[in-house]
Structure formats: C-alpha cells, structure tokens
Protein backbone atom coordinates (compact mmCIF):
# COMPACT_ATOMS: atom_id res chain seq x y z
CA MET A 1 -61.07 108.27 287.12
CA SER A 2 -61.21 104.59 288.08
CA PRO A 3 -64.64 103.02 288.71
CA ALA A 4 -65.66 102.46 292.33
CA PHE A 5 -66.02 98.74 291.62
CA SER A 6 -66.19 96.28 288.76
CA LEU A 7 -69.10 93.83 288.68
CA CYS A 8 -69.19 90.84 286.35
CA VAL A 9 -72.73 89.95 285.24
CA TYR A 10 -73.62 86.59 283.72
CA CYS A 11 -77.01 86.43 281.98
CA ALA A 12 -78.97 85.17 279.00
CA ALA A 13 -78.18 86.15 275.42
CA SER A 14 -81.88 85.74 274.68
CA HIS A 15 -85.13 87.39 275.75
CA SER A 16 -87.92 85.79 277.74
CA THR A 17 -91.59 86.32 277.06
CA ASP A 18 -91.83 87.45 280.71
CA PRO A 19 -90.66 91.08 281.04
CA VAL A 20 -89.67 90.57 284.69
CA TYR A 21 -86.25 89.27 283.59
CA ALA A 22 -85.46 92.27 281.39
CA ALA A 23 -86.59 94.54 284.22
CA ALA A 24 -84.09 92.86 286.58
CA ALA A 25 -81.26 93.21 284.03
CA ARG A 26 -82.13 96.89 283.57
CA GLU A 27 -82.19 97.42 287.34
CA ILE A 28 -78.69 95.96 287.71
CA GLY A 29 -77.27 98.06 284.87
CA HIS A 30 -78.75 101.24 286.35
CA TRP A 31 -77.59 100.26 289.86
CA ILE A 32 -74.00 99.87 288.66
CA GLY A 33 -74.01 103.25 286.93
CA ALA A 34 -75.72 105.09 289.78
CA ARG A 35 -72.96 103.97 292.16
CA GLY A 36 -69.97 104.76 289.97
CA GLY A 37 -69.26 101.15 289.06
CA GLN A 38 -68.23 99.33 285.92
CA LEU A 39 -69.99 96.44 284.17
CA VAL A 40 -67.96 93.50 282.92
CA TYR A 41 -69.93 91.04 280.80
CA GLY A 42 -69.82 88.76 277.77
CA GLY A 43 -69.88 91.50 275.13
CA GLY A 44 -73.13 90.58 273.37
CA HIS A 45 -75.99 92.83 272.30
CA HIS A 46 -78.81 90.26 272.27
CA GLY A 47 -81.16 89.35 275.09
CA LEU A 48 -80.57 90.22 278.73
CA MET A 49 -76.90 90.85 277.94
CA GLY A 50 -77.85 93.78 275.73
CA VAL A 51 -80.39 95.04 278.28
CA VAL A 52 -77.89 95.16 281.16
CA ALA A 53 -75.22 96.79 278.96
CA ASP A 54 -77.64 99.43 277.63
CA ALA A 55 -78.84 100.25 281.15
CA ALA A 56 -75.28 100.56 282.48
CA LEU A 57 -74.28 102.85 279.60
CA GLU A 58 -77.43 104.97 280.05
CA SER A 59 -76.46 105.42 283.69
CA GLY A 60 -72.90 106.49 282.90
CA ALA A 61 -71.09 103.26 283.73
CA PRO A 62 -68.15 102.04 281.67
CA VAL A 63 -69.01 98.72 280.03
CA VAL A 64 -66.30 96.15 279.38
CA GLY A 65 -67.39 93.49 276.91
CA ILE A 66 -65.31 90.37 276.35
CA ILE A 67 -66.33 88.13 273.47
CA PRO A 68 -64.77 85.31 271.45
CA LYS A 69 -63.91 85.93 267.80
CA ALA A 70 -66.37 83.24 266.65
CA MET A 71 -69.25 85.20 268.20
CA VAL A 72 -68.06 88.44 266.61
CA GLU A 73 -68.16 86.67 263.24
CA ARG A 74 -71.82 85.83 263.92
CA GLU A 75 -72.44 89.55 264.56
CA TRP A 76 -73.26 89.02 268.24
CA ALA A 77 -70.82 91.66 269.56
CA TYR A 78 -72.04 94.92 271.07
CA GLU A 79 -69.97 97.61 269.35
CA GLY A 80 -71.29 100.23 271.80
CA CYS A 81 -69.20 98.90 274.71
CA THR A 82 -66.76 101.32 276.30
CA GLU A 83 -64.15 98.58 275.84
CA LEU A 84 -64.73 95.58 273.59
CA HIS A 85 -62.10 92.85 273.88
CA ILE A 86 -62.12 90.15 271.22
CA VAL A 87 -60.46 86.93 272.36
CA ASP A 88 -59.78 83.59 270.71
CA THR A 89 -61.53 81.19 273.09
CA MET A 90 -64.28 80.93 275.69
CA HIS A 91 -61.60 80.06 278.25
CA GLU A 92 -59.83 83.36 277.57
CA ARG A 93 -63.13 85.19 277.79
CA LYS A 94 -63.99 83.78 281.22
CA ARG A 95 -60.47 84.28 282.56
CA MET A 96 -60.43 87.93 281.48
CA MET A 97 -63.94 88.56 282.83
CA ALA A 98 -62.83 87.16 286.19
CA GLU A 99 -59.60 89.17 286.25
CA ARG A 100 -61.43 92.43 285.50
CA SER A 101 -64.07 91.96 288.23
CA ASP A 102 -64.36 92.44 291.97
CA ALA A 103 -67.47 90.25 292.25
CA PHE A 104 -69.79 88.12 290.11
CA VAL A 105 -73.57 87.98 289.83
CA ALA A 106 -75.67 85.61 287.74
CA LEU A 107 -79.10 86.61 286.46
CA PRO A 108 -81.47 84.12 284.85
CA GLY A 109 -79.96 82.51 281.80
CA GLY A 110 -79.34 79.35 279.87
CA VAL A 111 -76.54 76.81 279.64
CA GLY A 112 -73.85 79.46 279.13
CA THR A 113 -74.90 81.41 282.20
CA LEU A 114 -75.00 78.23 284.29
CA GLU A 115 -71.59 77.15 283.03
CA GLU A 116 -70.06 80.54 283.93
CA LEU A 117 -71.70 80.56 287.35
CA PHE A 118 -70.60 77.03 288.22
CA GLU A 119 -67.06 77.59 286.99
CA ALA A 120 -66.67 80.72 289.14
CA TRP A 121 -68.20 78.78 292.04
CA ALA A 122 -65.85 75.80 291.56
CA TRP A 123 -62.83 78.13 291.29
CA ARG A 124 -63.83 79.73 294.58
CA GLN A 125 -64.26 76.35 296.27
CA LEU A 126 -60.80 75.30 295.07
CA GLY A 127 -59.20 78.54 296.24
CA TYR A 128 -58.34 79.98 292.83
CA HIS A 129 -60.12 83.18 293.90
CA ASP A 130 -62.06 84.50 296.85
CA LYS A 131 -64.22 87.01 295.03
CA PRO A 132 -67.90 87.02 296.07
CA ILE A 133 -70.51 85.37 293.89
CA GLY A 134 -74.22 86.15 293.86
CA LEU A 135 -77.22 84.61 292.21
CA LEU A 136 -80.25 86.82 291.57
CA ASN A 137 -83.23 84.47 291.76
CA VAL A 138 -85.67 86.58 289.73
CA ALA A 139 -89.27 85.37 290.03
CA GLY A 140 -88.10 82.03 291.44
CA TYR A 141 -86.16 81.17 288.27
CA TYR A 142 -83.52 79.23 290.22
CA ASP A 143 -85.81 77.59 292.80
CA GLY A 144 -85.54 74.17 291.15
CA MET A 145 -81.77 74.39 290.96
CA LEU A 146 -81.57 75.30 294.64
CA ARG A 147 -83.68 72.25 295.53
CA PHE A 148 -81.40 70.08 293.39
CA LEU A 149 -78.28 71.44 295.11
CA GLU A 150 -79.83 70.87 298.54
CA HIS A 151 -80.57 67.31 297.43
CA GLY A 152 -76.88 66.97 296.47
CA VAL A 153 -75.90 68.04 299.98
CA SER A 154 -78.37 65.58 301.54
CA THR A 155 -76.80 62.69 299.58
CA GLY A 156 -73.32 63.63 300.75
CA LEU A 157 -72.08 64.12 297.19
CA LEU A 158 -72.07 67.91 297.50
CA SER A 159 -70.21 69.38 300.45
CA PRO A 160 -72.35 71.66 302.61
CA ASP A 161 -69.34 74.01 302.74
CA VAL A 162 -69.94 74.84 299.06
CA MET A 163 -73.40 76.35 299.50
CA PRO A 164 -72.39 79.48 301.48
CA LEU A 165 -69.86 80.39 298.76
CA VAL A 166 -72.74 81.85 296.70
CA ARG A 167 -75.23 84.41 298.00
CA TRP A 168 -78.81 83.86 296.85
CA ASP A 169 -81.42 86.59 296.84
CA ASP A 170 -84.47 87.62 294.86
CA GLN A 171 -83.80 91.34 295.38
CA ALA A 172 -80.92 93.09 293.61
CA ALA A 173 -81.12 95.95 296.11
CA ARG A 174 -80.06 93.51 298.87
CA LEU A 175 -77.76 91.24 296.91
CA LEU A 176 -75.50 93.75 295.16
CA PRO A 177 -74.51 95.83 298.21
CA ALA A 178 -73.76 92.62 300.13
CA LEU A 179 -71.48 91.36 297.33
CA LEU A 180 -69.59 94.63 297.10
CA GLU A 181 -69.18 94.88 300.86
CA GLU A 182 -67.74 91.36 300.90
CA ALA A 183 -65.41 92.32 298.02
CA ARG A 184 -64.29 95.43 299.93
CA LEU A 185 -63.53 93.42 303.06
CA THR A 186 -61.67 90.79 301.06
CA ARG A 187 -59.50 93.45 299.40
CA SER A 188 -58.77 95.19 302.70
CA ASN A 189 -57.59 91.89 304.15
CA GLY A 190 -55.23 91.49 301.20
CA ARG A 191 -56.65 88.09 300.36
CA LEU A 192 -57.63 88.51 296.71
CA ALA A 193 -56.08 85.56 294.92
CA GLU A 194 -54.66 85.61 291.44
CA LEU A 195 -56.83 83.83 288.88
C-alpha cells in the first residue's frame, strides 16, 4: 500500500547538548508514522537524522534514505532504511529527495541543512516546483535567521514575495498538517511541477 504522503526532512547530522532538538526530531518521525506517511531524508544515522529515521521506523513509516557514495564510504549511511539509495553526487541526492517528496520541512541543523532549505526555497521562488516548505523553529533556533531575512526585505535586496513561500512555526503539530494540506490542495489543482 502506498504511503498517505511523503515528507522530506532536512536536519542536522550531529547532536546538540540540548535535548529539545532530538525531542523535536523524534516527534516528527512519530507523527509521520502515526499518520501513514513516509519519511524521505539524507540517509544518515548520526545526529538528528538518525533520531528522525529511528522514530519514523518505530512508528511503522517507510524510510527512504538518499546518500552520496562518499558518505557511505565514511560509514555515515543508515543501513536500517526501508530504501537506501546511494547516489554519486549531492546534486543527485537533493534532486531525488525533492522528487520523492510532497513537502519539505527543515529542523535545526548546520550548513548542510541551511543549504538544502535555501535551495528548495529558491527552486520554489523560480517556479521549478510548488511543493510546500516548512521551517520548524525549535526553541527559537532560527530567530536570528528570520531577523536577517526581514532585514534583507527592508533593504529591498530580498523580495517580500519570497517570505510567504516558507511556513515558519515552533510547533510541529501546527506546521506539519498545514504543509500536507497545502500539498493536497496543490495536487488536486494539478499544479505540481516537475523538478
């Protein structure tokens, strides 16, 4: 049976000393499984990536991991994924993650998470896709970035039209249903673009 939805999660491949971030990753993994969904993510077993994958699997969700060969060689791959796709490049990884997903959500993370989030956001702005994007602002992690982006809008260098393309929330229980409802409406309108 096909999953009810496919959610791409971007998050850190490392752990924080603050357990609030792992708790949020666990909540998302359990939420996906409890609602018959599928997790699509970067295929790693370290950090928040491993936490969200473990939680999804525990809750009965299929987990699709997509990881570049160079990371597999460093033993970063999570062999417990339902599907583990090994690709040659980061570009292939991100393209495949996007193709396999109905919506995207970013949890707290580092440079890689930010790069994935901003690429999905830029693709949406340019019309390469119209899949919803969410940012889970756990414990104010992204407050500084939001202020910076608002500053960019105030200077005129960042279009105000870009900001509504990403939903911000500090509660997964509000953010995830909103993303999936937007994805459902987009599909029913037949407007999902090819990536």
